[in-house]
């Protein structure tokens, strides 16, 4: 990686794909009768799960891809397509079925805890976030880069805890319109990230055709 600006761009991209603000309405909707303590505990456990999933994907992603014979350029194109589809849904103020489905939400209402499923995964640290982390980790040149990426994952997880911990306040301050606007802005950022991943992947796959 080149500079602190690159680290900052990676953090913004990761934060956009996790989109903790966009998770606030679902968090509230899935815990309609929960006490304040139960919501605090769920927020804490969700943040921890997001951190574990993202950091785990950093180290386990490349070996798993190698095991299945999947190249990083091909995975970059696939991840870019997935992120682009998610971004298009977010531009419509909708998370889409790539993040969660109605069936999963209905099952979550009957579960003892929603902290890990569906909140942490697949809603926030889902396929899009995992893909982005794996692709980004592939660019790491040394342990400084690795440390910066881990820090980005932890900062993102901390923001998840803050947003879920203050879910009622955020919902009251922003309202449905404000949350939808924030989701659309994140969708615009993700659109650019998805396009960049796709074009970079194609350049690596077909160096003689695309320059």
Protein backbone atom coordinates (compact mmCIF):
# COMPACT_ATOMS: atom_id res chain seq x y z
CA UNK A 1 0.00 0.00 0.00
CA UNK A 2 1.14 3.50 -0.69
CA UNK A 3 0.21 5.89 2.09
CA UNK A 4 -2.03 6.78 4.98
CA UNK A 5 -4.50 8.10 2.40
CA UNK A 6 -4.79 4.57 1.06
CA UNK A 7 -5.50 3.27 4.56
CA UNK A 8 -8.19 5.95 4.95
CA UNK A 9 -9.79 5.01 1.63
CA UNK A 10 -9.85 1.38 2.67
CA UNK A 11 -11.50 2.31 5.97
CA UNK A 12 -14.17 4.40 4.23
CA UNK A 13 -14.87 1.59 1.77
CA UNK A 14 -15.15 -1.01 4.53
CA UNK A 15 -17.38 1.25 6.61
CA UNK A 16 -19.61 1.85 3.59
CA UNK A 17 -20.08 -1.84 2.82
CA UNK A 18 -20.74 -2.73 6.48
CA UNK A 19 -23.13 0.26 6.73
CA UNK A 20 -23.88 0.20 10.48
CA UNK A 21 -26.32 3.13 10.20
CA UNK A 22 -28.36 1.19 7.67
CA UNK A 23 -28.58 -1.69 10.16
CA UNK A 24 -30.27 0.50 12.78
CA UNK A 25 -33.90 0.05 11.57
CA UNK A 26 -33.52 -3.73 11.34
CA UNK A 27 -31.86 -3.85 14.76
CA UNK A 28 -34.79 -1.99 16.29
CA UNK A 29 -37.36 -3.97 14.30
CA UNK A 30 -35.96 -7.34 15.38
CA UNK A 31 -35.97 -6.38 19.07
CA UNK A 32 -39.39 -4.76 19.57
CA UNK A 33 -39.83 -5.91 23.16
CA UNK A 34 -36.20 -6.05 24.28
CA UNK A 35 -35.03 -4.28 27.40
CA UNK A 36 -32.29 -1.65 27.31
CA UNK A 37 -29.81 -4.15 28.75
CA UNK A 38 -30.68 -6.75 26.11
CA UNK A 39 -30.12 -4.20 23.35
CA UNK A 40 -26.79 -3.15 24.83
CA UNK A 41 -25.68 -6.76 25.07
CA UNK A 42 -26.76 -7.50 21.50
CA UNK A 43 -24.93 -4.42 20.21
CA UNK A 44 -21.75 -5.47 22.02
CA UNK A 45 -21.90 -9.06 20.79
CA UNK A 46 -22.64 -7.95 17.21
CA UNK A 47 -19.62 -5.64 17.19
CA UNK A 48 -17.36 -8.40 18.53
CA UNK A 49 -18.67 -10.82 15.91
CA UNK A 50 -18.09 -8.29 13.11
CA UNK A 51 -14.50 -7.79 14.28
CA UNK A 52 -13.83 -11.53 14.44
CA UNK A 53 -15.37 -12.19 11.02
CA UNK A 54 -13.51 -9.37 9.26
CA UNK A 55 -10.11 -10.04 10.83
CA UNK A 56 -10.59 -13.77 10.31
CA UNK A 57 -11.36 -13.21 6.62
CA UNK A 58 -8.11 -11.25 6.27
CA UNK A 59 -6.01 -14.25 7.24
CA UNK A 60 -8.18 -17.15 6.08
CA UNK A 61 -9.41 -15.71 2.78
CA UNK A 62 -6.35 -16.27 0.59
CA UNK A 63 -5.70 -19.86 1.78
CA UNK A 64 -9.35 -20.78 1.18
CA UNK A 65 -9.27 -19.30 -2.32
CA UNK A 66 -6.04 -21.18 -3.02
CA UNK A 67 -7.61 -24.40 -1.78
CA UNK A 68 -10.39 -24.07 -4.36
CA UNK A 69 -8.04 -22.88 -7.09
CA UNK A 70 -9.59 -19.40 -7.30
CA UNK A 71 -7.23 -16.61 -8.33
CA UNK A 72 -7.30 -13.23 -6.63
CA UNK A 73 -8.11 -11.39 -9.92
CA UNK A 74 -11.10 -13.66 -10.53
CA UNK A 75 -12.25 -13.22 -6.94
CA UNK A 76 -11.77 -9.46 -7.29
CA UNK A 77 -14.14 -9.41 -10.27
CA UNK A 78 -16.67 -11.58 -8.42
CA UNK A 79 -16.44 -9.45 -5.30
CA UNK A 80 -16.78 -6.30 -7.38
CA UNK A 81 -19.96 -7.61 -9.01
CA UNK A 82 -21.40 -8.53 -5.61
CA UNK A 83 -20.56 -5.12 -4.13
CA UNK A 84 -21.98 -3.39 -7.21
CA UNK A 85 -25.27 -5.30 -6.87
CA UNK A 86 -25.43 -4.41 -3.17
CA UNK A 87 -24.70 -0.77 -4.01
CA UNK A 88 -27.53 -0.63 -6.54
CA UNK A 89 -29.93 -1.90 -3.90
CA UNK A 90 -28.63 0.65 -1.39
CA UNK A 91 -29.24 3.45 -3.90
CA UNK A 92 -32.89 2.43 -3.66
CA UNK A 93 -32.65 2.57 0.17
CA UNK A 94 -32.90 -1.19 0.32
CA UNK A 95 -30.37 -3.68 1.64
CA UNK A 96 -31.42 -6.38 -0.83
CA UNK A 97 -31.40 -10.14 -0.49
CA UNK A 98 -27.59 -10.31 -0.64
CA UNK A 99 -27.55 -9.01 2.95
CA UNK A 100 -30.69 -10.56 4.44
CA UNK A 101 -34.02 -12.04 3.46
CA UNK A 102 -37.51 -11.89 4.92
CA UNK A 103 -37.20 -15.57 5.86
CA UNK A 104 -34.06 -14.82 7.87
CA UNK A 105 -35.78 -11.90 9.61
CA UNK A 106 -38.76 -14.08 10.54
CA UNK A 107 -36.45 -16.75 11.91
CA UNK A 108 -34.47 -14.14 13.85
CA UNK A 109 -37.64 -12.99 15.65
CA UNK A 110 -37.91 -16.46 17.16
CA UNK A 111 -34.21 -16.82 18.00
CA UNK A 112 -32.75 -16.29 21.46
CA UNK A 113 -30.15 -13.87 20.11
CA UNK A 114 -29.80 -11.94 16.84
CA UNK A 115 -26.32 -10.59 17.59
CA UNK A 116 -24.38 -12.92 15.29
CA UNK A 117 -27.12 -14.03 12.88
CA UNK A 118 -28.53 -12.09 11.13
CA UNK A 119 -27.00 -8.82 12.42
CA UNK A 120 -23.26 -9.49 12.24
CA UNK A 121 -23.54 -11.92 9.35
CA UNK A 122 -24.93 -11.65 6.74
CA UNK A 123 -26.28 -8.11 7.32
CA UNK A 124 -23.05 -6.24 8.14
CA UNK A 125 -20.02 -8.54 7.88
CA UNK A 126 -21.57 -10.41 4.99
CA UNK A 127 -20.26 -11.54 1.59
CA UNK A 128 -19.56 -7.99 0.39
CA UNK A 129 -17.50 -6.99 3.42
CA UNK A 130 -15.66 -10.31 3.46
CA UNK A 131 -14.83 -10.00 -0.25
CA UNK A 132 -13.53 -6.47 0.20
CA UNK A 133 -11.37 -7.46 3.16
CA UNK A 134 -9.83 -10.40 1.32
CA UNK A 135 -9.06 -8.33 -1.78
CA UNK A 136 -7.61 -5.49 0.29
CA UNK A 137 -5.47 -7.85 2.38
CA UNK A 138 -3.97 -9.23 -0.84
CA UNK A 139 -2.36 -5.80 -1.41
CA UNK A 140 -0.64 -5.80 1.98
CA UNK A 141 3.13 -5.70 1.56
CA UNK A 142 4.29 -5.95 5.16
CA UNK A 143 3.12 -6.14 8.76
CA UNK A 144 2.53 -2.38 8.82
CA UNK A 145 -0.10 -2.81 6.14
CA UNK A 146 -1.56 -5.82 7.94
CA UNK A 147 -1.69 -3.85 11.19
CA UNK A 148 -3.44 -0.95 9.45
CA UNK A 149 -6.03 -3.30 7.95
CA UNK A 150 -6.68 -4.92 11.31
CA UNK A 151 -7.10 -1.46 12.82
CA UNK A 152 -9.59 -0.58 10.08
CA UNK A 153 -11.59 -3.73 10.91
CA UNK A 154 -11.58 -2.86 14.61
CA UNK A 155 -12.60 0.75 13.95
CA UNK A 156 -15.46 -0.49 11.77
CA UNK A 157 -16.54 -2.92 14.47
CA UNK A 158 -16.40 -0.11 17.04
CA UNK A 159 -18.64 2.02 14.81
CA UNK A 160 -21.07 -0.91 14.69
CA UNK A 161 -21.19 -0.95 18.47
CA UNK A 162 -21.73 2.83 18.64
CA UNK A 163 -24.51 2.84 16.03
CA UNK A 164 -26.37 -0.10 17.55
CA UNK A 165 -25.80 1.16 21.08
CA UNK A 166 -27.36 4.50 20.08
CA UNK A 167 -29.89 2.97 17.66
CA UNK A 168 -32.94 4.63 19.21
CA UNK A 169 -31.23 8.02 19.30
CA UNK A 170 -30.03 7.71 15.71
CA UNK A 171 -33.50 6.67 14.55
CA UNK A 172 -35.06 9.60 16.37
CA UNK A 173 -32.52 12.16 15.12
CA UNK A 174 -32.25 11.04 11.50
CA UNK A 175 -35.68 9.53 11.01
CA UNK A 176 -36.43 7.13 8.18
CA UNK A 177 -35.57 9.77 5.56
CA UNK A 178 -32.18 10.56 7.08
CA UNK A 179 -31.24 6.90 7.35
CA UNK A 180 -32.29 6.31 3.74
CA UNK A 181 -30.20 9.26 2.59
CA UNK A 182 -27.18 7.91 4.46
CA UNK A 183 -27.75 4.50 2.87
CA UNK A 184 -27.89 6.04 -0.61
CA UNK A 185 -24.63 7.93 0.01
CA UNK A 186 -22.99 4.67 1.09
CA UNK A 187 -24.44 3.09 -2.04
CA UNK A 188 -22.76 5.71 -4.24
CA UNK A 189 -19.42 5.00 -2.58
CA UNK A 190 -19.88 1.26 -3.00
CA UNK A 191 -20.80 1.70 -6.67
CA UNK A 192 -17.41 3.29 -7.31
CA UNK A 193 -15.64 0.59 -5.27
CA UNK A 194 -17.44 -2.20 -7.13
CA UNK A 195 -16.61 -0.73 -10.56
CA UNK A 196 -12.98 -0.26 -9.57
CA UNK A 197 -12.67 -3.86 -8.34
CA UNK A 198 -14.21 -5.20 -11.55
CA UNK A 199 -12.01 -3.14 -13.88
CA UNK A 200 -8.86 -3.92 -11.89
CA UNK A 201 -9.71 -7.61 -11.88
CA UNK A 202 -10.25 -7.66 -15.65
CA UNK A 203 -6.96 -5.85 -16.20
CA UNK A 204 -5.17 -8.55 -14.21
CA UNK A 205 -7.04 -11.38 -15.93
CA UNK A 206 -6.58 -10.00 -19.45
CA UNK A 207 -3.45 -7.81 -19.38
CA UNK A 208 -3.05 -7.98 -23.14
CA UNK A 209 -6.59 -6.89 -23.90
CA UNK A 210 -7.17 -4.14 -21.35
CA UNK A 211 -4.64 -1.37 -20.77
